[in-house]
C-alpha atoms as a PDB file:
ATOM      1  CA  MET A   1      56.768   2.115  58.343  1.00  0.00           C
ATOM      2  CA  LYS A   2      59.753   0.902  56.371  1.00  0.00           C
ATOM      3  CA  ASN A   3      58.190  -2.581  56.085  1.00  0.00           C
ATOM      4  CA  ILE A   4      54.947  -1.137  54.710  1.00  0.00           C
ATOM      5  CA  PHE A   5      56.883   0.864  52.132  1.00  0.00           C
ATOM      6  CA  PHE A   6      58.850  -2.183  50.946  1.00  0.00           C
ATOM      7  CA  SER A   7      55.693  -4.323  50.912  1.00  0.00           C
ATOM      8  CA  LEU A   8      53.927  -1.765  48.742  1.00  0.00           C
ATOM      9  CA  MET A   9      56.902  -1.549  46.401  1.00  0.00           C
ATOM     10  CA  LEU A  10      56.972  -5.337  46.082  1.00  0.00           C
ATOM     11  CA  VAL A  11      53.237  -5.519  45.283  1.00  0.00           C
ATOM     12  CA  PHE A  12      53.526  -2.631  42.812  1.00  0.00           C
ATOM     13  CA  SER A  13      56.497  -4.163  41.009  1.00  0.00           C
ATOM     14  CA  MET A  14      54.802  -7.584  40.816  1.00  0.00           C
ATOM     15  CA  ASN A  15      51.719  -5.942  39.321  1.00  0.00           C
ATOM     16  CA  CYS A  16      53.786  -4.069  36.722  1.00  0.00           C
ATOM     17  CA  PHE A  17      55.502  -7.205  35.445  1.00  0.00           C
ATOM     18  CA  SER A  18      52.695  -9.737  35.783  1.00  0.00           C
ATOM     19  CA  GLN A  19      50.963  -8.748  32.548  1.00  0.00           C
ATOM     20  CA  VAL A  20      52.917 -10.940  30.099  1.00  0.00           C
ATOM     21  CA  VAL A  21      51.797 -14.490  30.715  1.00  0.00           C
ATOM     22  CA  SER A  22      53.890 -16.255  28.118  1.00  0.00           C
ATOM     23  CA  GLU A  23      56.423 -15.591  25.438  1.00  0.00           C
ATOM     24  CA  PHE A  24      57.651 -18.278  23.074  1.00  0.00           C
ATOM     25  CA  PHE A  25      58.629 -19.117  19.509  1.00  0.00           C
ATOM     26  CA  ASP A  26      56.318 -21.521  17.704  1.00  0.00           C
ATOM     27  CA  GLU A  27      57.402 -24.243  15.263  1.00  0.00           C
ATOM     28  CA  LYS A  28      57.424 -21.719  12.375  1.00  0.00           C
ATOM     29  CA  GLY A  29      59.758 -19.364  14.244  1.00  0.00           C
ATOM     30  CA  VAL A  30      57.018 -16.824  15.049  1.00  0.00           C
ATOM     31  CA  ARG A  31      57.553 -15.015  18.344  1.00  0.00           C
ATOM     32  CA  ASN A  32      54.347 -14.985  20.420  1.00  0.00           C
ATOM     33  CA  VAL A  33      53.758 -12.627  23.341  1.00  0.00           C
ATOM     34  CA  ASN A  34      50.538 -13.370  25.265  1.00  0.00           C
ATOM     35  CA  CYS A  35      49.043 -11.155  27.959  1.00  0.00           C
ATOM     36  CA  GLU A  36      46.924 -12.097  30.930  1.00  0.00           C
ATOM     37  CA  LYS A  37      43.193 -12.577  30.383  1.00  0.00           C
ATOM     38  CA  LEU A  38      40.524 -10.035  31.147  1.00  0.00           C
ATOM     39  CA  ARG A  39      37.441 -11.563  32.755  1.00  0.00           C
ATOM     40  CA  LEU A  40      34.258 -10.332  31.063  1.00  0.00           C
ATOM     41  CA  TYR A  41      31.705 -12.589  32.748  1.00  0.00           C
ATOM     42  CA  GLU A  42      29.549 -12.569  35.834  1.00  0.00           C
ATOM     43  CA  ARG A  43      28.667 -15.627  37.902  1.00  0.00           C
ATOM     44  CA  LYS A  44      25.131 -15.718  36.514  1.00  0.00           C
ATOM     45  CA  ASP A  45      26.303 -16.010  32.880  1.00  0.00           C
ATOM     46  CA  SER A  46      25.785 -19.343  31.124  1.00  0.00           C
ATOM     47  CA  VAL A  47      28.911 -18.761  29.009  1.00  0.00           C
ATOM     48  CA  TYR A  48      31.977 -17.392  30.759  1.00  0.00           C
ATOM     49  CA  LEU A  49      33.743 -15.037  28.388  1.00  0.00           C
ATOM     50  CA  SER A  50      37.339 -13.867  28.809  1.00  0.00           C
ATOM     51  CA  MET A  51      39.504 -11.739  26.541  1.00  0.00           C
ATOM     52  CA  GLY A  52      43.199 -11.963  25.841  1.00  0.00           C
ATOM     53  CA  PHE A  53      45.542  -9.886  23.718  1.00  0.00           C
ATOM     54  CA  LEU A  54      48.643 -11.074  21.923  1.00  0.00           C
ATOM     55  CA  GLY A  55      51.266 -10.059  19.431  1.00  0.00           C
ATOM     56  CA  LYS A  56      53.003 -12.289  16.896  1.00  0.00           C
ATOM     57  CA  GLU A  57      56.318 -11.129  15.439  1.00  0.00           C
ATOM     58  CA  TYR A  58      57.849 -12.670  12.356  1.00  0.00           C
ATOM     59  CA  SER A  59      60.575 -11.191  10.137  1.00  0.00           C
ATOM     60  CA  GLY A  60      60.325  -7.817  11.874  1.00  0.00           C
ATOM     61  CA  LYS A  61      56.540  -7.494  11.339  1.00  0.00           C
ATOM     62  CA  THR A  62      54.082  -7.715  14.235  1.00  0.00           C
ATOM     63  CA  ASN A  63      50.447  -8.779  13.960  1.00  0.00           C
ATOM     64  CA  TYR A  64      48.030  -8.339  16.841  1.00  0.00           C
ATOM     65  CA  TYR A  65      45.082 -10.495  17.886  1.00  0.00           C
ATOM     66  CA  ILE A  66      42.207 -10.328  20.300  1.00  0.00           C
ATOM     67  CA  LYS A  67      41.732 -13.743  21.838  1.00  0.00           C
ATOM     68  CA  MET A  68      38.288 -14.700  23.131  1.00  0.00           C
ATOM     69  CA  GLN A  69      37.887 -17.646  25.492  1.00  0.00           C
ATOM     70  CA  PHE A  70      34.462 -19.233  25.916  1.00  0.00           C
ATOM     71  CA  ASP A  71      33.784 -21.573  28.868  1.00  0.00           C
ATOM     72  CA  THR A  72      30.519 -23.361  29.629  1.00  0.00           C
ATOM     73  CA  ASP A  73      29.331 -26.509  31.339  1.00  0.00           C
ATOM     74  CA  SER A  74      26.167 -26.812  29.255  1.00  0.00           C
ATOM     75  CA  THR A  75      27.155 -27.500  25.652  1.00  0.00           C
ATOM     76  CA  GLU A  76      30.041 -27.977  23.254  1.00  0.00           C
ATOM     77  CA  LEU A  77      31.231 -24.811  21.578  1.00  0.00           C
ATOM     78  CA  THR A  78      31.996 -24.064  17.948  1.00  0.00           C
ATOM     79  CA  ILE A  79      33.344 -20.838  16.507  1.00  0.00           C
ATOM     80  CA  LYS A  80      33.406 -20.894  12.702  1.00  0.00           C
ATOM     81  CA  LYS A  81      36.056 -19.181  10.589  1.00  0.00           C
ATOM     82  CA  GLY A  82      34.784 -15.694   9.849  1.00  0.00           C
ATOM     83  CA  SER A  83      32.625 -15.558  12.993  1.00  0.00           C
ATOM     84  CA  ILE A  84      32.186 -11.956  13.967  1.00  0.00           C
ATOM     85  CA  LEU A  85      33.306 -10.030  17.033  1.00  0.00           C
ATOM     86  CA  LEU A  86      31.693  -6.586  17.112  1.00  0.00           C
ATOM     87  CA  LEU A  87      32.962  -3.834  19.393  1.00  0.00           C
ATOM     88  CA  ARG A  88      31.138  -0.500  19.777  1.00  0.00           C
ATOM     89  CA  ASN A  89      33.342   2.317  20.984  1.00  0.00           C
ATOM     90  CA  ASN A  90      32.516   5.526  22.836  1.00  0.00           C
ATOM     91  CA  ASN A  91      32.156   7.349  19.492  1.00  0.00           C
ATOM     92  CA  GLU A  92      29.420   4.862  18.470  1.00  0.00           C
ATOM     93  CA  GLU A  93      31.738   3.415  15.805  1.00  0.00           C
ATOM     94  CA  ILE A  94      31.459  -0.331  15.273  1.00  0.00           C
ATOM     95  CA  ILE A  95      34.678  -2.300  14.871  1.00  0.00           C
ATOM     96  CA  GLU A  96      34.168  -5.642  13.136  1.00  0.00           C
ATOM     97  CA  LEU A  97      36.712  -8.421  13.618  1.00  0.00           C
ATOM     98  CA  LYS A  98      36.497 -11.923  12.125  1.00  0.00           C
ATOM     99  CA  SER A  99      37.906 -15.150  13.555  1.00  0.00           C
ATOM    100  CA  ASP A 100      40.815 -16.491  11.528  1.00  0.00           C
ATOM    101  CA  SER A 101      39.998 -20.230  11.771  1.00  0.00           C
ATOM    102  CA  ASP A 102      37.413 -22.776  12.901  1.00  0.00           C
ATOM    103  CA  TYR A 103      37.561 -23.531  16.622  1.00  0.00           C
ATOM    104  CA  GLU A 104      35.880 -26.306  18.572  1.00  0.00           C
ATOM    105  CA  SER A 105      35.788 -26.758  22.293  1.00  0.00           C
ATOM    106  CA  GLY A 106      37.856 -29.184  24.254  1.00  0.00           C
ATOM    107  CA  GLU A 107      36.743 -30.637  27.544  1.00  0.00           C
ATOM    108  CA  ARG A 108      38.333 -30.081  30.907  1.00  0.00           C
ATOM    109  CA  ILE A 109      37.277 -31.480  34.225  1.00  0.00           C
ATOM    110  CA  VAL A 110      37.153 -29.184  37.239  1.00  0.00           C
ATOM    111  CA  VAL A 111      37.024 -30.775  40.673  1.00  0.00           C
ATOM    112  CA  GLY A 112      35.991 -28.693  43.646  1.00  0.00           C
ATOM    113  CA  THR A 113      34.094 -28.573  46.899  1.00  0.00           C
ATOM    114  CA  ILE A 114      30.379 -27.881  46.740  1.00  0.00           C
ATOM    115  CA  ALA A 115      29.503 -24.721  48.674  1.00  0.00           C
ATOM    116  CA  ASN A 116      27.741 -25.295  52.020  1.00  0.00           C
ATOM    117  CA  SER A 117      28.221 -29.075  51.825  1.00  0.00           C
ATOM    118  CA  GLY A 118      31.146 -29.696  54.138  1.00  0.00           C
ATOM    119  CA  ASN A 119      33.772 -31.872  52.513  1.00  0.00           C
ATOM    120  CA  LYS A 120      31.736 -33.237  49.598  1.00  0.00           C
ATOM    121  CA  SER A 121      33.450 -32.682  46.309  1.00  0.00           C
ATOM    122  CA  SER A 122      32.101 -32.654  42.796  1.00  0.00           C
ATOM    123  CA  ALA A 123      33.444 -32.728  39.290  1.00  0.00           C
ATOM    124  CA  ARG A 124      32.105 -30.671  36.412  1.00  0.00           C
ATOM    125  CA  ILE A 125      32.969 -30.949  32.764  1.00  0.00           C
ATOM    126  CA  TYR A 126      33.588 -27.599  31.143  1.00  0.00           C
ATOM    127  CA  HIS A 127      33.784 -26.996  27.415  1.00  0.00           C
ATOM    128  CA  THR A 128      36.377 -24.413  26.453  1.00  0.00           C
ATOM    129  CA  ALA A 129      36.972 -22.836  23.050  1.00  0.00           C
ATOM    130  CA  ILE A 130      39.465 -20.107  22.229  1.00  0.00           C
ATOM    131  CA  ALA A 131      39.169 -18.029  19.050  1.00  0.00           C
ATOM    132  CA  PHE A 132      41.600 -15.492  17.607  1.00  0.00           C
ATOM    133  CA  TYR A 133      40.557 -12.289  15.856  1.00  0.00           C
ATOM    134  CA  PRO A 134      43.248 -10.379  13.908  1.00  0.00           C
ATOM    135  CA  ILE A 135      43.123  -6.631  14.522  1.00  0.00           C
ATOM    136  CA  THR A 136      44.665  -3.878  12.364  1.00  0.00           C
ATOM    137  CA  PRO A 137      46.439  -0.770  13.709  1.00  0.00           C
ATOM    138  CA  GLU A 138      43.446   1.373  12.635  1.00  0.00           C
ATOM    139  CA  GLN A 139      41.043  -0.908  14.513  1.00  0.00           C
ATOM    140  CA  LEU A 140      43.353  -0.884  17.557  1.00  0.00           C
ATOM    141  CA  LEU A 141      43.175   2.902  17.632  1.00  0.00           C
ATOM    142  CA  LYS A 142      39.366   2.788  17.611  1.00  0.00           C
ATOM    143  CA  VAL A 143      39.284   0.123  20.346  1.00  0.00           C
ATOM    144  CA  THR A 144      41.576   2.101  22.639  1.00  0.00           C
ATOM    145  CA  SER A 145      39.175   5.063  22.496  1.00  0.00           C
ATOM    146  CA  GLY A 146      36.867   3.026  24.749  1.00  0.00           C
ATOM    147  CA  ILE A 147      34.452   0.111  24.278  1.00  0.00           C
ATOM    148  CA  ILE A 148      30.890   0.226  25.594  1.00  0.00           C
ATOM    149  CA  LYS A 149      29.437  -2.924  23.987  1.00  0.00           C
ATOM    150  CA  LEU A 150      30.633  -6.253  22.620  1.00  0.00           C
ATOM    151  CA  ARG A 151      28.868  -8.901  20.525  1.00  0.00           C
ATOM    152  CA  VAL A 152      30.536 -12.203  19.709  1.00  0.00           C
ATOM    153  CA  GLU A 153      29.270 -15.213  17.747  1.00  0.00           C
ATOM    154  CA  TYR A 154      29.540 -18.819  18.899  1.00  0.00           C
ATOM    155  CA  ASN A 155      27.424 -21.901  18.028  1.00  0.00           C
ATOM    156  CA  SER A 156      25.552 -19.684  15.511  1.00  0.00           C
ATOM    157  CA  GLU A 157      24.346 -17.537  18.430  1.00  0.00           C
ATOM    158  CA  ALA A 158      25.297 -14.053  19.561  1.00  0.00           C
ATOM    159  CA  LEU A 159      26.486 -13.110  23.022  1.00  0.00           C
ATOM    160  CA  ASP A 160      26.147  -9.440  23.966  1.00  0.00           C
ATOM    161  CA  LYS A 161      27.937  -7.659  26.806  1.00  0.00           C
ATOM    162  CA  GLU A 162      27.505  -4.015  27.742  1.00  0.00           C
ATOM    163  CA  PHE A 163      29.937  -2.100  29.923  1.00  0.00           C
ATOM    164  CA  LYS A 164      29.279   0.833  32.248  1.00  0.00           C
ATOM    165  CA  LYS A 165      32.927   1.798  32.107  1.00  0.00           C
ATOM    166  CA  ASP A 166      35.598   1.093  29.548  1.00  0.00           C
ATOM    167  CA  VAL A 167      37.483  -2.015  30.582  1.00  0.00           C
ATOM    168  CA  ILE A 168      38.307  -3.349  27.110  1.00  0.00           C
ATOM    169  CA  GLY A 169      39.873  -0.203  25.661  1.00  0.00           C
ATOM    170  CA  VAL A 170      42.013   0.290  28.767  1.00  0.00           C
ATOM    171  CA  TYR A 171      43.030  -3.389  28.733  1.00  0.00           C
ATOM    172  CA  VAL A 172      43.978  -3.389  25.034  1.00  0.00           C
ATOM    173  CA  LYS A 173      45.919  -0.102  25.271  1.00  0.00           C
ATOM    174  CA  LYS A 174      47.859  -1.250  28.328  1.00  0.00           C
ATOM    175  CA  ASN A 175      48.741  -4.607  26.792  1.00  0.00           C
ATOM    176  CA  TYR A 176      49.502  -3.176  23.338  1.00  0.00           C
ATOM    177  CA  ASP A 177      52.074  -0.882  24.964  1.00  0.00           C
ATOM    178  CA  LEU A 178      53.409  -3.783  27.020  1.00  0.00           C
ATOM    179  CA  ILE A 179      53.808  -6.047  23.969  1.00  0.00           C
ATOM    180  CA  GLN A 180      55.541  -3.292  21.997  1.00  0.00           C
ATOM    181  CA  ARG A 181      58.043  -2.751  24.826  1.00  0.00           C
ATOM    182  CA  ARG A 182      58.539  -6.510  25.173  1.00  0.00           C
ATOM    183  CA  LEU A 183      59.196  -6.958  21.450  1.00  0.00           C
ATOM    184  CA  LEU A 184      61.938  -4.327  21.639  1.00  0.00           C
ATOM    185  CA  THR A 185      63.783  -6.821  23.838  1.00  0.00           C
ATOM    186  CA  LYS A 186      65.506  -9.282  21.544  1.00  0.00           C
ATOM    187  CA  ILE A 187      65.663 -12.828  22.882  1.00  0.00           C
ATOM    188  CA  ASN A 188      67.592 -15.821  21.689  1.00  0.00           C
ATOM    189  CA  LYS A 189      65.135 -18.192  19.995  1.00  0.00           C
ATOM    190  CA  GLU A 190      67.138 -21.278  20.980  1.00  0.00           C
ATOM    191  CA  LEU A 191      67.090 -20.321  24.665  1.00  0.00           C
ATOM    192  CA  SER A 192      63.469 -19.115  24.827  1.00  0.00           C
ATOM    193  CA  ASP A 193      62.062 -22.520  25.773  1.00  0.00           C
ATOM    194  CA  PHE A 194      64.774 -23.480  28.265  1.00  0.00           C
END
């Protein structure tokens, strides 16, 4: 019984602290706190879409971003500056975010075993693009009230996702709180990349 209790405590504590994926200072001295990605795709999707959330602190001011990652094996990806990410919340309000730069995909090769083929392996080339969408405190408040639909632009096309339950609002709220707590912890910039 004691072993089960300690095992559960270990799993619970690992889950509590596993949210922040990276924290670093960039070349301009901006402190970046990135959270783990939220998978928004299903196996049948032609474009695998994931969402991230991050905070950037500079001179005592923090800016927040929604990070969208696009993965596909069918075509190169381009997200133009000003491309739109639309989020519809539970109150039927539409939150419009715009990408802050142009983004093009890079290639990565994934090697794996083909299902039901024994030991045969294959390699696939995936195209990955990551775009950042600045979000204001007012928009954050609307997002955390619950998101039921998302539309994002890439390659001059729109990708729509509908949700039966609110996964985005919960994700953003949880990680917003996590980033705020993390930013309260002052770290030495010179030692942050050790």
